[in-house]
Protein backbone atom coordinates (compact mmCIF):
# COMPACT_ATOMS: atom_id res chain seq x y z
CA MET A 1 -0.29 0.08 0.03
CA THR A 2 1.09 3.27 -0.77
CA GLY A 3 1.51 6.23 1.85
CA SER A 4 -1.37 7.97 0.26
CA GLU A 5 -3.84 5.24 0.24
CA ARG A 6 -2.80 4.41 4.10
CA ASP A 7 -3.31 7.86 5.08
CA ASP A 8 -6.81 8.27 2.94
CA PRO A 9 -8.72 4.93 2.34
CA LEU A 10 -10.64 7.14 -0.31
CA ARG A 11 -7.83 7.20 -2.93
CA SER A 12 -7.73 3.41 -3.25
CA ALA A 13 -10.74 1.23 -5.70
CA LEU A 14 -9.70 -1.53 -2.92
CA PHE A 15 -11.43 -0.38 -0.14
CA THR A 16 -14.21 -2.77 -0.50
CA ASP A 17 -15.58 -5.87 0.34
CA LEU A 18 -13.86 -9.25 -1.00
CA TYR A 19 -17.20 -10.44 -2.04
CA GLU A 20 -17.72 -7.48 -4.57
CA LEU A 21 -14.47 -8.14 -5.76
CA THR A 22 -15.69 -12.45 -6.61
CA MET A 23 -19.07 -11.41 -7.46
CA SER A 24 -17.47 -8.99 -10.08
CA ALA A 25 -15.14 -11.25 -11.65
CA ALA A 26 -18.06 -13.93 -11.85
CA TYR A 27 -20.34 -11.16 -13.08
CA PHE A 28 -17.08 -10.53 -16.19
CA ALA A 29 -17.02 -14.08 -16.48
CA GLU A 30 -20.93 -14.52 -17.62
CA GLY A 31 -20.85 -11.56 -19.64
CA MET A 32 -22.97 -9.53 -17.07
CA ASP A 33 -22.68 -6.07 -16.84
CA ARG A 34 -25.89 -4.50 -18.08
CA ARG A 35 -27.05 -1.52 -16.32
CA ALA A 36 -28.03 -2.18 -12.72
CA VAL A 37 -29.81 0.03 -9.81
CA PHE A 38 -28.97 -0.01 -6.06
CA GLU A 39 -30.45 2.03 -3.42
CA LEU A 40 -29.19 2.62 0.09
CA PHE A 41 -31.94 3.01 2.88
CA PHE A 42 -32.18 1.54 6.64
CA ARG A 43 -34.94 -0.65 7.95
CA ARG A 44 -35.87 0.23 11.43
CA MET A 45 -35.19 3.62 13.33
CA PRO A 46 -33.14 3.34 16.73
CA PRO A 47 -35.16 3.21 19.59
CA THR A 48 -33.65 6.94 20.75
CA ARG A 49 -34.25 8.49 17.42
CA ASN A 50 -36.85 10.57 15.96
CA PHE A 51 -35.15 11.11 12.64
CA ILE A 52 -32.12 10.85 11.08
CA ILE A 53 -30.15 13.14 9.06
CA ALA A 54 -28.64 12.25 5.57
CA ALA A 55 -24.67 12.97 5.48
CA GLY A 56 -21.60 11.78 3.86
CA LEU A 57 -22.71 12.08 -0.07
CA ASP A 58 -20.00 14.44 -0.80
CA GLU A 59 -17.09 11.94 0.13
CA VAL A 60 -19.67 9.55 -1.76
CA LEU A 61 -18.94 11.81 -5.08
CA SER A 62 -15.63 12.10 -4.51
CA TYR A 63 -15.03 8.65 -4.11
CA LEU A 64 -16.87 7.66 -7.26
CA GLU A 65 -15.16 10.69 -9.29
CA HIS A 66 -11.74 9.32 -8.77
CA LEU A 67 -12.66 5.45 -8.68
CA ARG A 68 -9.65 3.42 -10.32
CA PHE A 69 -7.09 0.48 -9.55
CA SER A 70 -3.78 1.77 -9.61
CA ALA A 71 -0.65 -0.61 -10.65
CA ASP A 72 -0.27 -1.32 -6.83
CA ASP A 73 -3.90 -2.48 -6.30
CA LEU A 74 -3.72 -4.43 -9.65
CA ALA A 75 -0.64 -6.52 -8.48
CA TYR A 76 -1.90 -6.87 -4.93
CA LEU A 77 -4.70 -8.56 -6.34
CA ALA A 78 -2.87 -10.22 -8.97
CA ASP A 79 -1.16 -11.75 -5.85
CA GLN A 80 -4.09 -13.26 -4.55
CA ASP A 81 -4.16 -15.95 -6.90
CA ARG A 82 -7.93 -15.43 -7.36
CA PHE A 83 -8.69 -13.41 -10.47
CA SER A 84 -7.87 -13.89 -14.29
CA ARG A 85 -5.93 -11.79 -15.94
CA GLU A 86 -8.25 -10.87 -18.39
CA PHE A 87 -10.80 -9.49 -15.30
CA LEU A 88 -7.43 -7.70 -13.87
CA ASP A 89 -7.35 -5.89 -17.16
CA PHE A 90 -10.67 -5.09 -17.34
CA LEU A 91 -10.20 -3.35 -13.72
CA ALA A 92 -7.28 -1.13 -15.14
CA GLU A 93 -9.57 0.56 -17.11
CA LEU A 94 -12.42 0.69 -14.99
CA ARG A 95 -14.14 4.04 -14.36
CA PHE A 96 -17.06 5.10 -12.85
CA THR A 97 -19.51 5.87 -15.48
CA GLY A 98 -22.49 5.87 -13.49
CA ASP A 99 -25.83 8.44 -12.42
CA VAL A 100 -26.24 9.12 -8.35
CA ASP A 101 -29.79 10.71 -7.40
CA ALA A 102 -29.64 11.14 -3.54
CA LEU A 103 -31.22 12.89 -0.65
CA PRO A 104 -29.30 16.51 -0.12
CA GLU A 105 -27.08 16.71 2.79
CA GLY A 106 -29.03 18.17 5.67
CA THR A 107 -32.54 16.25 4.83
CA PRO A 108 -34.33 14.47 7.49
CA VAL A 109 -35.08 10.58 6.52
CA PHE A 110 -37.10 8.25 8.06
CA PRO A 111 -37.21 3.90 7.71
CA ASP A 112 -37.27 2.69 4.09
CA GLU A 113 -36.62 6.19 2.28
CA PRO A 114 -33.51 5.59 -0.29
CA LEU A 115 -30.89 8.32 0.46
CA ILE A 116 -29.18 7.38 -2.34
CA ARG A 117 -29.57 5.83 -5.86
CA VAL A 118 -26.70 4.02 -8.18
CA GLU A 119 -27.34 3.02 -11.31
CA ALA A 120 -24.43 2.05 -13.52
CA PRO A 121 -23.01 -1.18 -15.27
CA LEU A 122 -23.74 -3.59 -13.00
CA ILE A 123 -20.29 -4.34 -11.72
CA GLU A 124 -19.35 -0.21 -11.42
CA ALA A 125 -22.34 -0.66 -9.29
CA GLN A 126 -21.67 -3.31 -7.18
CA LEU A 127 -17.61 -2.70 -6.58
CA VAL A 128 -18.63 0.73 -4.63
CA GLU A 129 -21.14 -0.63 -2.28
CA THR A 130 -18.78 -0.62 0.60
CA MET A 131 -17.53 2.62 0.59
CA VAL A 132 -21.24 4.29 -0.11
CA LEU A 133 -22.30 2.51 2.89
CA ASN A 134 -19.44 3.43 4.74
CA GLN A 135 -19.81 6.62 4.15
CA ILE A 136 -23.36 7.49 4.08
CA HIS A 137 -23.64 5.20 6.97
CA PHE A 138 -21.60 6.55 9.69
CA GLN A 139 -21.83 10.45 8.38
CA SER A 140 -25.75 10.18 9.12
CA ILE A 141 -25.06 8.52 12.54
CA ALA A 142 -23.00 11.36 13.41
CA ALA A 143 -24.77 14.32 12.05
CA SER A 144 -27.83 12.87 13.93
CA LYS A 145 -26.43 12.97 17.47
CA ALA A 146 -25.01 16.45 16.85
CA ALA A 147 -28.66 17.49 16.16
CA ARG A 148 -29.81 16.35 18.89
CA VAL A 149 -27.09 17.80 20.94
CA VAL A 150 -27.46 21.27 19.29
CA MET A 151 -31.27 21.01 19.57
CA ALA A 152 -30.74 20.06 23.50
CA ALA A 153 -28.27 23.37 23.77
CA ASP A 154 -31.29 25.20 22.80
CA GLY A 155 -29.11 28.41 21.11
CA ARG A 156 -26.11 27.84 23.22
CA ASP A 157 -22.78 27.61 21.08
CA VAL A 158 -21.83 23.39 20.80
CA VAL A 159 -18.27 22.99 19.98
CA ASP A 160 -17.11 19.72 19.20
CA PHE A 161 -14.28 17.94 21.55
CA GLY A 162 -14.48 14.37 20.27
CA SER A 163 -11.15 13.64 18.04
CA ARG A 164 -9.34 11.76 20.79
CA ARG A 165 -12.16 9.54 21.54
CA ALA A 166 -13.24 8.92 17.85
CA HIS A 167 -12.92 5.19 16.55
CA GLY A 168 -10.21 6.65 14.31
CA ALA A 169 -8.60 9.69 12.38
CA ASP A 170 -11.34 10.07 9.31
CA ALA A 171 -13.63 9.24 12.18
CA ALA A 172 -12.87 12.31 14.15
CA LEU A 173 -12.76 14.17 10.56
CA LYS A 174 -16.16 13.34 9.59
CA VAL A 175 -17.66 13.72 12.65
CA ALA A 176 -16.16 17.47 13.03
CA ARG A 177 -17.51 17.71 9.29
CA THR A 178 -20.96 16.13 10.18
CA SER A 179 -21.77 17.97 13.81
CA TYR A 180 -20.88 21.58 12.34
CA LEU A 181 -23.22 20.03 9.25
CA ALA A 182 -26.22 19.53 12.27
CA GLY A 183 -25.62 23.53 13.73
CA ALA A 184 -22.46 22.83 16.10
CA ALA A 185 -20.15 26.22 16.25
CA GLY A 186 -17.18 24.19 15.40
CA THR A 187 -14.26 21.84 16.45
CA SER A 188 -11.05 21.61 18.46
CA ASN A 189 -9.63 19.59 15.43
CA VAL A 190 -7.40 21.74 13.32
CA LEU A 191 -7.12 19.66 10.16
CA ALA A 192 -11.25 19.79 10.19
CA GLY A 193 -10.45 23.21 9.92
CA LYS A 194 -8.43 23.61 7.24
CA ILE A 195 -9.98 20.21 5.54
CA TYR A 196 -13.53 21.74 5.72
CA GLY A 197 -13.32 24.88 6.83
CA VAL A 198 -15.03 24.45 10.08
CA PRO A 199 -14.05 26.90 12.67
CA ILE A 200 -11.59 25.94 15.34
CA PHE A 201 -11.69 26.01 18.98
CA GLY A 202 -9.37 25.37 21.82
CA THR A 203 -7.42 26.99 24.76
CA MET A 204 -5.27 25.29 27.02
CA ALA A 205 -5.64 21.80 29.05
CA HIS A 206 -4.87 21.32 32.96
CA SER A 207 -1.05 20.22 32.14
CA TYR A 208 -0.51 23.71 30.99
CA ILE A 209 -1.50 25.19 34.66
CA GLN A 210 0.21 22.07 36.11
CA SER A 211 3.32 23.10 34.64
CA HIS A 212 3.93 26.51 35.75
CA ASP A 213 4.89 26.92 40.01
CA ASP A 214 1.44 28.57 40.47
CA GLU A 215 -1.95 28.75 38.93
CA ALA A 216 -2.33 32.84 38.63
CA GLY A 217 0.81 32.76 36.98
CA ALA A 218 -0.41 30.03 34.86
CA LEU A 219 -3.22 32.21 33.67
CA ARG A 220 -1.62 35.65 32.96
CA ALA A 221 1.19 33.71 31.12
CA PHE A 222 -1.33 32.32 28.54
CA ALA A 223 -3.57 35.52 28.63
CA GLU A 224 -0.69 37.41 27.59
CA VAL A 225 0.03 35.47 24.56
CA HIS A 226 -3.80 34.64 23.91
CA PRO A 227 -5.47 37.68 25.06
CA ASP A 228 -9.85 37.55 25.06
CA THR A 229 -9.14 33.82 25.52
CA THR A 230 -11.29 31.59 27.37
CA LEU A 231 -9.28 30.44 30.68
CA LEU A 232 -9.54 26.49 32.40
CA VAL A 233 -10.30 27.59 35.86
CA ASP A 234 -10.51 24.15 37.53
CA THR A 235 -6.97 22.19 37.75
CA TYR A 236 -7.12 23.01 41.92
CA ASP A 237 -10.37 24.99 43.17
CA THR A 238 -12.83 25.88 40.67
CA LEU A 239 -14.11 28.94 42.59
CA GLU A 240 -10.83 29.81 43.64
CA GLY A 241 -9.49 29.80 40.00
CA VAL A 242 -12.68 32.43 38.99
CA ARG A 243 -11.70 34.54 41.92
CA THR A 244 -7.68 34.46 40.90
CA VAL A 245 -9.30 35.39 37.56
CA VAL A 246 -11.12 38.45 38.98
CA GLU A 247 -8.27 39.36 40.58
CA LEU A 248 -6.11 39.69 37.64
CA SER A 249 -8.14 41.56 35.68
CA ARG A 250 -8.37 44.19 37.98
CA ASP A 251 -4.44 44.60 37.81
CA ASP A 252 -4.10 48.14 37.36
CA GLU A 253 -0.91 48.11 35.08
CA ARG A 254 -1.31 44.58 33.77
CA PRO A 255 -5.20 44.03 34.01
CA LEU A 256 -6.10 40.17 32.54
CA ARG A 257 -7.94 40.08 29.24
CA VAL A 258 -10.12 37.14 29.40
CA GLY A 259 -13.48 36.05 27.35
CA GLY A 260 -14.42 33.60 28.96
CA ILE A 261 -13.86 30.60 31.78
CA ARG A 262 -14.11 26.69 31.43
CA LEU A 263 -15.69 24.65 33.83
CA ASP A 264 -14.51 20.88 33.13
CA SER A 265 -15.64 18.76 36.41
CA GLY A 266 -17.87 18.75 38.98
CA ASP A 267 -21.31 20.29 39.02
CA LEU A 268 -21.85 21.72 36.20
CA GLY A 269 -24.75 23.62 37.08
CA GLU A 270 -23.75 25.03 40.52
CA LEU A 271 -20.40 26.17 39.73
CA ALA A 272 -21.83 28.14 37.00
CA ARG A 273 -24.12 29.79 38.98
CA GLN A 274 -21.37 30.75 41.35
CA SER A 275 -19.08 31.66 39.03
CA ARG A 276 -21.56 33.63 37.12
CA ARG A 277 -22.13 35.72 40.61
CA LEU A 278 -18.39 36.20 41.05
CA LEU A 279 -17.52 37.17 37.84
CA ASP A 280 -20.50 39.70 37.62
CA ASP A 281 -19.68 41.09 41.16
CA GLY A 282 -16.31 41.84 39.83
CA GLY A 283 -17.12 43.32 36.75
CA LEU A 284 -16.91 40.48 34.19
CA GLU A 285 -20.36 40.40 33.01
CA HIS A 286 -19.26 40.14 29.48
CA VAL A 287 -17.08 37.06 30.41
CA LYS A 288 -18.61 33.77 29.28
CA ILE A 289 -18.84 30.48 30.73
CA PHE A 290 -17.91 27.34 28.62
CA ALA A 291 -18.65 24.07 30.17
CA SER A 292 -17.35 20.88 29.18
CA SER A 293 -16.73 17.01 31.05
CA GLY A 294 -18.78 14.02 29.88
CA LEU A 295 -21.60 15.65 28.49
CA ASP A 296 -24.12 14.46 25.73
CA GLU A 297 -27.72 15.92 24.95
CA TYR A 298 -29.39 14.55 28.01
CA THR A 299 -27.00 16.40 30.31
CA ILE A 300 -26.99 19.55 28.09
CA ARG A 301 -31.03 19.50 28.76
CA GLU A 302 -30.97 19.17 32.45
CA LEU A 303 -28.30 22.38 32.58
CA VAL A 304 -30.09 24.76 30.20
CA GLU A 305 -33.94 23.52 31.71
CA SER A 306 -32.18 24.16 35.38
CA GLY A 307 -31.24 27.54 34.03
CA ALA A 308 -27.22 27.25 34.52
CA PRO A 309 -25.31 30.30 33.19
CA ILE A 310 -23.57 28.87 30.63
CA ASP A 311 -23.05 30.14 27.61
CA GLY A 312 -21.37 26.78 25.03
CA PHE A 313 -20.74 23.26 25.61
CA GLY A 314 -17.61 21.56 24.64
CA VAL A 315 -19.09 17.74 23.97
CA GLY A 316 -16.65 14.63 23.48
CA THR A 317 -16.98 11.00 23.69
CA ASN A 318 -20.67 10.84 23.67
CA MET A 319 -20.78 12.95 20.13
CA ALA A 320 -18.14 11.38 19.01
CA VAL A 321 -18.99 7.64 19.20
CA SER A 322 -23.03 8.22 19.30
CA ASP A 323 -23.01 6.35 22.14
CA ASP A 324 -26.34 5.47 22.27
CA ALA A 325 -27.32 4.70 18.84
CA PRO A 326 -24.01 3.65 17.17
CA GLY A 327 -25.49 1.81 14.08
CA LEU A 328 -28.05 1.73 11.71
CA ASP A 329 -29.65 -1.40 9.94
CA MET A 330 -28.40 0.47 6.52
CA ALA A 331 -28.35 -1.99 3.38
CA TYR A 332 -27.15 -0.83 -0.25
CA LYS A 333 -29.95 -3.54 -2.48
CA LEU A 334 -29.96 -4.34 -6.11
CA VAL A 335 -33.81 -3.35 -7.31
CA GLN A 336 -33.60 -3.41 -10.95
CA TYR A 337 -31.31 -5.52 -13.22
CA ALA A 338 -31.23 -5.18 -16.96
CA GLY A 339 -34.46 -3.23 -16.89
CA ARG A 340 -36.64 -5.55 -15.27
CA PRO A 341 -37.09 -4.88 -11.10
CA ARG A 342 -35.67 -6.95 -8.59
CA MET A 343 -36.21 -7.71 -5.17
CA LYS A 344 -35.45 -9.95 -1.91
CA LEU A 345 -38.30 -12.33 -0.45
CA SER A 346 -36.69 -13.24 3.04
CA THR A 347 -38.04 -12.77 6.04
CA SER A 348 -38.55 -9.50 7.85
CA LYS A 349 -36.00 -8.29 4.87
CA VAL A 350 -38.67 -7.94 1.91
CA MET A 351 -37.76 -5.44 -0.36
CA HIS A 352 -39.83 -3.43 -2.85
CA PRO A 353 -38.54 -3.72 -6.25
CA GLY A 354 -37.46 -0.53 -8.78
CA PRO A 355 -35.94 2.73 -8.52
CA LYS A 356 -37.94 5.01 -6.21
CA GLN A 357 -38.76 8.55 -5.63
CA VAL A 358 -39.31 9.70 -2.15
CA PHE A 359 -42.46 12.59 -1.85
CA ARG A 360 -42.83 14.64 1.39
CA SER A 361 -45.92 16.88 1.75
CA VAL A 362 -45.73 19.98 3.95
CA ASP A 363 -47.97 21.90 5.35
CA ALA A 364 -48.33 25.48 7.35
CA GLY A 365 -44.14 24.78 6.84
CA ARG A 366 -43.73 21.93 8.85
CA MET A 367 -43.43 18.15 7.14
CA VAL A 368 -46.69 15.84 7.53
CA HIS A 369 -46.39 12.81 5.67
CA ASP A 370 -44.14 10.85 3.30
CA VAL A 371 -44.62 8.66 0.40
CA ILE A 372 -42.28 6.11 -1.51
CA ALA A 373 -43.26 5.84 -4.89
CA ARG A 374 -41.89 4.33 -8.22
CA ALA A 375 -39.12 6.95 -9.22
CA ASP A 376 -41.66 7.42 -12.81
CA GLU A 377 -44.59 8.74 -10.60
CA GLU A 378 -45.77 11.83 -10.41
CA LEU A 379 -47.05 12.88 -6.63
CA ALA A 380 -48.05 15.47 -4.40
CA GLY A 381 -45.67 16.84 -2.34
CA GLN A 382 -41.56 17.20 -2.76
CA PRO A 383 -39.52 15.04 -4.75
CA LEU A 384 -36.40 14.39 -2.12
CA LEU A 385 -33.93 12.54 -4.32
CA GLU A 386 -32.53 15.09 -6.97
CA PRO A 387 -29.86 14.10 -9.68
CA VAL A 388 -26.19 14.83 -8.49
CA MET A 389 -23.79 13.08 -11.12
CA ARG A 390 -24.26 12.04 -14.47
CA GLY A 391 -21.79 9.56 -16.83
CA GLY A 392 -19.52 9.67 -13.73
CA ARG A 393 -19.67 13.54 -13.43
CA ARG A 394 -21.05 15.61 -10.71
CA LEU A 395 -23.67 17.67 -11.31
CA ALA A 396 -24.40 21.12 -9.86
CA ALA A 397 -26.60 19.93 -7.41
CA GLY A 398 -24.11 17.42 -6.00
CA GLU A 399 -21.42 20.70 -5.76
CA ILE A 400 -23.15 21.80 -2.44
CA SER A 401 -20.64 23.54 0.26
CA LEU A 402 -20.55 22.56 3.78
CA GLU A 403 -22.29 25.77 4.56
CA ASP A 404 -25.05 25.18 1.95
CA ALA A 405 -25.91 21.57 3.63
CA ARG A 406 -25.88 23.53 6.96
CA ASP A 407 -28.24 26.07 6.04
CA ARG A 408 -30.14 22.95 4.66
CA ALA A 409 -30.22 21.00 7.94
CA ARG A 410 -31.27 24.23 10.16
CA GLU A 411 -33.91 24.60 7.67
CA GLN A 412 -34.94 21.14 7.70
CA LEU A 413 -35.27 20.27 11.20
CA GLY A 414 -37.18 23.61 11.63
CA ARG A 415 -39.60 21.50 9.56
CA LEU A 416 -40.32 18.91 11.32
CA PRO A 417 -43.04 18.34 13.32
CA ASP A 418 -42.99 19.73 17.14
CA ARG A 419 -43.29 16.14 18.22
CA LEU A 420 -40.04 15.09 16.98
CA LEU A 421 -37.97 17.92 17.79
CA GLY A 422 -37.35 16.71 21.24
CA ILE A 423 -34.33 14.29 22.40
CA GLU A 424 -37.05 11.66 23.89
CA ALA A 425 -38.13 8.56 21.40
CA ARG A 426 -42.10 9.49 20.61
CA GLU A 427 -44.40 6.44 20.24
CA LEU A 428 -46.37 8.00 17.33
CA GLU A 429 -43.61 7.90 14.57
CA TYR A 430 -43.55 9.99 11.35
CA PRO A 431 -45.75 8.69 8.82
CA VAL A 432 -44.08 7.12 5.75
CA SER A 433 -46.32 4.89 3.24
CA PHE A 434 -45.89 3.33 0.26
CA SER A 435 -47.83 4.25 -3.18
CA PRO A 436 -50.50 1.84 -4.28
CA ALA A 437 -48.23 1.69 -7.32
CA LEU A 438 -45.45 0.70 -5.33
CA GLU A 439 -47.20 -2.26 -3.53
CA ARG A 440 -48.57 -3.32 -6.69
CA ALA A 441 -45.08 -3.82 -8.36
CA LEU A 442 -44.24 -5.36 -5.07
CA GLU A 443 -47.24 -7.72 -5.19
CA ASP A 444 -46.92 -8.36 -8.83
CA LEU A 445 -43.10 -9.74 -8.49
CA SER A 446 -43.27 -11.37 -5.39
CA GLY A 447 -46.22 -13.75 -6.96
CA SER A 448 -43.60 -14.38 -10.16
CA LEU A 449 -41.29 -15.07 -7.88
CA GLU A 450 -43.08 -17.38 -5.67
CA ALA A 451 -44.82 -19.24 -9.27
CA ASP A 452 -40.81 -19.16 -10.56
CA ARG A 453 -39.69 -21.04 -7.15
CA GLY A 454 -43.04 -23.44 -6.90
CA ALA A 455 -42.41 -24.59 -10.62
CA ALA A 456 -38.64 -25.22 -9.83
CA THR A 457 -39.60 -27.21 -7.13
CA THR A 458 -41.70 -29.23 -8.99
CA SER A 459 -39.68 -29.96 -11.47
CA ALA A 460 -37.13 -30.74 -9.49
CA GLU A 461 -39.42 -33.16 -7.55
CA HIS A 462 -40.50 -34.95 -11.12
CA GLU A 463 -37.03 -35.39 -11.87
CA ARG A 464 -35.76 -37.25 -8.77
CA SER A 465 -39.08 -39.42 -9.11
CA SER A 466 -38.28 -40.61 -12.53
CA ARG A 467 -34.82 -41.67 -11.72
């Protein structure tokens, strides 16, 4: 593996499960590479979620645009002694030439609704399954968790502090990106700031205070290098740390310039109240209070509802790993091949055949109902899936910036019914139905498949009895 592939798996076509390649080799040997349609969706809402925010599309389109097998990739595959030279030569020339329709990033989505539809020659569409799922799945989970945290903060700033606890460097960057998409003010991750343009935040750790002989000297030294910054005050005694900030700010010769203090331990609500009184009594009404330490949407809601005078929250582990809902039952399934609809009949995993569209009805500015329909239907409501790529090239709708996606998420979250805006899961879920035409398509194809299976069984039994 080259250094670039190790640092960024999005650069390698080998970021795929082996069975994608073994199936593709078999397709190639059979001459099967006609047009196929795959759709990505999730089957069930996690118990602690009222909605999922679609995210990750930008990374998927970037991957598809640059999909290719390098000479090193092909040499590695040749060493596995699984694939013919003809198939490897085919992979050497392979590029993604297909079409993609998708929900714009920042759109609330519900079970069974396709987030993305890929239409391409069968082998192209099959090979990209792993990366499409990887990016859409994780970023949608992360954006949904962040949206809940932002809602609980009720207008107060939320900053992503989760990089050190995220499940790998790529996950840390995607959490920073999707947290901002979902409404967070920014991240502590500097690389995310560079790559995505997300505002970066950060001041000091306890080690900075500890490395100095006394707290006052540490706070003064830091503030002189970084005036109007936020100072950490709970290394030794929180309220004494606040008093020290007040005293230093009153120094006639060298008054400390401070913009905020950070509380990182203890009873955050009570400490915030006492700190606010000390700051205000000391003439520091402008100094903000920022809190961190094991926060999630539930603890933030408690602090906000208690009236704690906290102006912003740094949220780490719980948001970075989406601890209460770390996974979705998400799938990427074939729904059409060679112009014919396809489906599964597995118990509990029956899926409607053929390409689909989602129509969303809105009344008085609020979402009221979604209908999943055939892609060729025209129903009341707004069609959600948009063309974002044609012939392997992005369209204008696929060039949406992170800021645009953030604006969309804010606007779309404002359209959710009131019952879905809280952080408690509701028994009454958002209504999603299938169109009559799509239900008929399911009934017709399932009946045809059952008839074919019955005929095959009868034929096999007859053959056995005649032996």
